[in-house]
Amino acid sequence: MSSILRIEMLIFSLFFFVYIIRSINKNIFLLKNAIRWLFISAGLVVFAVFPGLPEWLATQLGFETTSNFLLFAAILVLLFIEIKNSALLSKQQNQIKLLIQELSILKAKKEKK
């Protein structure tokens, strides 16, 4: 890998890491939701600093090319994030339904008085 590409990867991954940190500080992301993005950005930094690491991992895991390994890893990470988001969404929908039911009961009690 050329040194220019390594430097570009490092700069991009550091900007991504700083963006996540600033988003947490500005309360755009909650820390518990941003932790996975911090791990992803740290992984990008590690891969930018050590470009031989993905190649070694791909070889050890039996992938023919490094790009196949990276694509597979990205799909797994995105799948994990989607599953977590779906679970969170379901939990929030149940909480909203419960709040609506409780509010309706309170309104009904208030109207009877």
C-alpha atoms as a PDB file:
ATOM      1  CA  MET A   1       0.000   0.000   0.000  1.00  0.00           C
ATOM      2  CA  SER A   2       1.384   3.393  -0.911  1.00  0.00           C
ATOM      3  CA  SER A   3       2.367   5.798   1.835  1.00  0.00           C
ATOM      4  CA  ILE A   4       0.004   8.471   0.453  1.00  0.00           C
ATOM      5  CA  LEU A   5      -2.961   6.108   0.754  1.00  0.00           C
ATOM      6  CA  ARG A   6      -1.927   5.143   4.297  1.00  0.00           C
ATOM      7  CA  ILE A   7      -1.735   8.827   5.266  1.00  0.00           C
ATOM      8  CA  GLU A   8      -5.151   9.507   3.709  1.00  0.00           C
ATOM      9  CA  MET A   9      -6.644   6.543   5.570  1.00  0.00           C
ATOM     10  CA  LEU A  10      -5.119   7.731   8.838  1.00  0.00           C
ATOM     11  CA  ILE A  11      -6.393  11.291   8.357  1.00  0.00           C
ATOM     12  CA  PHE A  12      -9.904  10.069   7.482  1.00  0.00           C
ATOM     13  CA  SER A  13     -10.052   7.691  10.438  1.00  0.00           C
ATOM     14  CA  LEU A  14      -8.797  10.362  12.852  1.00  0.00           C
ATOM     15  CA  PHE A  15     -11.360  12.878  11.534  1.00  0.00           C
ATOM     16  CA  PHE A  16     -14.069  10.238  11.994  1.00  0.00           C
ATOM     17  CA  PHE A  17     -12.885   9.572  15.570  1.00  0.00           C
ATOM     18  CA  VAL A  18     -12.836  13.303  16.391  1.00  0.00           C
ATOM     19  CA  TYR A  19     -16.301  13.731  14.837  1.00  0.00           C
ATOM     20  CA  ILE A  20     -17.729  11.005  17.087  1.00  0.00           C
ATOM     21  CA  ILE A  21     -16.095  12.512  20.184  1.00  0.00           C
ATOM     22  CA  ARG A  22     -17.412  15.991  19.327  1.00  0.00           C
ATOM     23  CA  SER A  23     -20.895  14.574  18.682  1.00  0.00           C
ATOM     24  CA  ILE A  24     -20.873  13.006  22.132  1.00  0.00           C
ATOM     25  CA  ASN A  25     -19.739  16.282  23.711  1.00  0.00           C
ATOM     26  CA  LYS A  26     -22.506  18.219  21.910  1.00  0.00           C
ATOM     27  CA  ASN A  27     -25.111  15.645  23.044  1.00  0.00           C
ATOM     28  CA  ILE A  28     -25.886  14.596  19.473  1.00  0.00           C
ATOM     29  CA  PHE A  29     -25.104  10.995  20.441  1.00  0.00           C
ATOM     30  CA  LEU A  30     -25.598   9.382  23.799  1.00  0.00           C
ATOM     31  CA  LEU A  31     -22.412   7.758  25.019  1.00  0.00           C
ATOM     32  CA  LYS A  32     -23.988   4.306  25.273  1.00  0.00           C
ATOM     33  CA  ASN A  33     -25.091   4.527  21.621  1.00  0.00           C
ATOM     34  CA  ALA A  34     -21.812   6.000  20.396  1.00  0.00           C
ATOM     35  CA  ILE A  35     -19.522   3.379  21.934  1.00  0.00           C
ATOM     36  CA  ARG A  36     -19.857   1.076  18.927  1.00  0.00           C
ATOM     37  CA  TRP A  37     -18.908   3.981  16.630  1.00  0.00           C
ATOM     38  CA  LEU A  38     -15.898   4.708  18.817  1.00  0.00           C
ATOM     39  CA  PHE A  39     -14.787   1.078  18.442  1.00  0.00           C
ATOM     40  CA  ILE A  40     -15.294   1.248  14.676  1.00  0.00           C
ATOM     41  CA  SER A  41     -13.297   4.455  14.397  1.00  0.00           C
ATOM     42  CA  ALA A  42     -10.535   3.012  16.603  1.00  0.00           C
ATOM     43  CA  GLY A  43     -10.464  -0.039  14.321  1.00  0.00           C
ATOM     44  CA  LEU A  44     -10.096   2.237  11.312  1.00  0.00           C
ATOM     45  CA  VAL A  45      -7.162   3.972  12.990  1.00  0.00           C
ATOM     46  CA  VAL A  46      -5.516   0.620  13.765  1.00  0.00           C
ATOM     47  CA  PHE A  47      -5.984  -0.587  10.173  1.00  0.00           C
ATOM     48  CA  ALA A  48      -4.558   2.706   8.866  1.00  0.00           C
ATOM     49  CA  VAL A  49      -1.493   2.494  11.113  1.00  0.00           C
ATOM     50  CA  PHE A  50      -0.955  -1.239  10.539  1.00  0.00           C
ATOM     51  CA  PRO A  51      -2.109  -1.948   6.958  1.00  0.00           C
ATOM     52  CA  GLY A  52      -0.695  -5.481   7.090  1.00  0.00           C
ATOM     53  CA  LEU A  53      -3.095  -6.452   9.883  1.00  0.00           C
ATOM     54  CA  PRO A  54      -6.209  -6.893   7.696  1.00  0.00           C
ATOM     55  CA  GLU A  55      -4.154  -8.880   5.212  1.00  0.00           C
ATOM     56  CA  TRP A  56      -2.839 -11.151   7.973  1.00  0.00           C
ATOM     57  CA  LEU A  57      -6.346 -11.590   9.453  1.00  0.00           C
ATOM     58  CA  ALA A  58      -7.763 -12.438   6.027  1.00  0.00           C
ATOM     59  CA  THR A  59      -5.075 -15.080   5.513  1.00  0.00           C
ATOM     60  CA  GLN A  60      -5.605 -16.574   8.964  1.00  0.00           C
ATOM     61  CA  LEU A  61      -9.369 -16.775   8.489  1.00  0.00           C
ATOM     62  CA  GLY A  62      -9.095 -18.354   5.042  1.00  0.00           C
ATOM     63  CA  PHE A  63     -10.210 -15.483   2.812  1.00  0.00           C
ATOM     64  CA  GLU A  64      -8.621 -15.364  -0.627  1.00  0.00           C
ATOM     65  CA  THR A  65      -8.415 -11.586  -0.782  1.00  0.00           C
ATOM     66  CA  THR A  66      -8.252  -8.905   1.873  1.00  0.00           C
ATOM     67  CA  SER A  67     -11.103  -6.993   0.280  1.00  0.00           C
ATOM     68  CA  ASN A  68     -13.423  -9.995   0.744  1.00  0.00           C
ATOM     69  CA  PHE A  69     -12.489 -10.125   4.415  1.00  0.00           C
ATOM     70  CA  LEU A  70     -13.061  -6.392   4.896  1.00  0.00           C
ATOM     71  CA  LEU A  71     -16.418  -6.555   3.133  1.00  0.00           C
ATOM     72  CA  PHE A  72     -17.460  -9.539   5.242  1.00  0.00           C
ATOM     73  CA  ALA A  73     -16.368  -7.768   8.441  1.00  0.00           C
ATOM     74  CA  ALA A  74     -18.266  -4.612   7.451  1.00  0.00           C
ATOM     75  CA  ILE A  75     -21.418  -6.627   6.761  1.00  0.00           C
ATOM     76  CA  LEU A  76     -21.158  -8.337  10.156  1.00  0.00           C
ATOM     77  CA  VAL A  77     -20.692  -5.021  11.963  1.00  0.00           C
ATOM     78  CA  LEU A  78     -23.634  -3.416  10.146  1.00  0.00           C
ATOM     79  CA  LEU A  79     -25.798  -6.462  10.816  1.00  0.00           C
ATOM     80  CA  PHE A  80     -24.970  -6.271  14.520  1.00  0.00           C
ATOM     81  CA  ILE A  81     -25.783  -2.552  14.603  1.00  0.00           C
ATOM     82  CA  GLU A  82     -29.100  -3.140  12.798  1.00  0.00           C
ATOM     83  CA  ILE A  83     -30.107  -5.894  15.220  1.00  0.00           C
ATOM     84  CA  LYS A  84     -29.307  -3.663  18.204  1.00  0.00           C
ATOM     85  CA  ASN A  85     -31.271  -0.775  16.656  1.00  0.00           C
ATOM     86  CA  SER A  86     -34.259  -3.035  15.935  1.00  0.00           C
ATOM     87  CA  ALA A  87     -34.286  -4.263  19.528  1.00  0.00           C
ATOM     88  CA  LEU A  88     -34.101  -0.694  20.815  1.00  0.00           C
ATOM     89  CA  LEU A  89     -36.901   0.397  18.486  1.00  0.00           C
ATOM     90  CA  SER A  90     -39.145  -2.460  19.648  1.00  0.00           C
ATOM     91  CA  LYS A  91     -38.491  -1.594  23.276  1.00  0.00           C
ATOM     92  CA  GLN A  92     -39.319   2.066  22.665  1.00  0.00           C
ATOM     93  CA  GLN A  93     -42.527   1.175  20.799  1.00  0.00           C
ATOM     94  CA  ASN A  94     -43.655  -0.951  23.758  1.00  0.00           C
ATOM     95  CA  GLN A  95     -42.854   1.896  26.161  1.00  0.00           C
ATOM     96  CA  ILE A  96     -44.820   4.377  24.032  1.00  0.00           C
ATOM     97  CA  LYS A  97     -47.806   2.013  23.910  1.00  0.00           C
ATOM     98  CA  LEU A  98     -47.686   1.624  27.699  1.00  0.00           C
ATOM     99  CA  LEU A  99     -47.473   5.394  28.194  1.00  0.00           C
ATOM    100  CA  ILE A 100     -50.467   5.966  25.894  1.00  0.00           C
ATOM    101  CA  GLN A 101     -52.494   3.389  27.808  1.00  0.00           C
ATOM    102  CA  GLU A 102     -51.583   4.937  31.166  1.00  0.00           C
ATOM    103  CA  LEU A 103     -52.407   8.432  29.893  1.00  0.00           C
ATOM    104  CA  SER A 104     -55.784   7.227  28.591  1.00  0.00           C
ATOM    105  CA  ILE A 105     -56.604   5.679  31.964  1.00  0.00           C
ATOM    106  CA  LEU A 106     -55.645   8.898  33.767  1.00  0.00           C
ATOM    107  CA  LYS A 107     -57.772  10.995  31.364  1.00  0.00           C
ATOM    108  CA  ALA A 108     -60.728   8.664  31.858  1.00  0.00           C
ATOM    109  CA  LYS A 109     -60.412   8.938  35.652  1.00  0.00           C
ATOM    110  CA  LYS A 110     -60.170  12.734  35.421  1.00  0.00           C
ATOM    111  CA  GLU A 111     -63.299  12.973  33.234  1.00  0.00           C
ATOM    112  CA  LYS A 112     -65.325  10.855  35.699  1.00  0.00           C
ATOM    113  CA  LYS A 113     -64.679  13.350  38.491  1.00  0.00           C
END
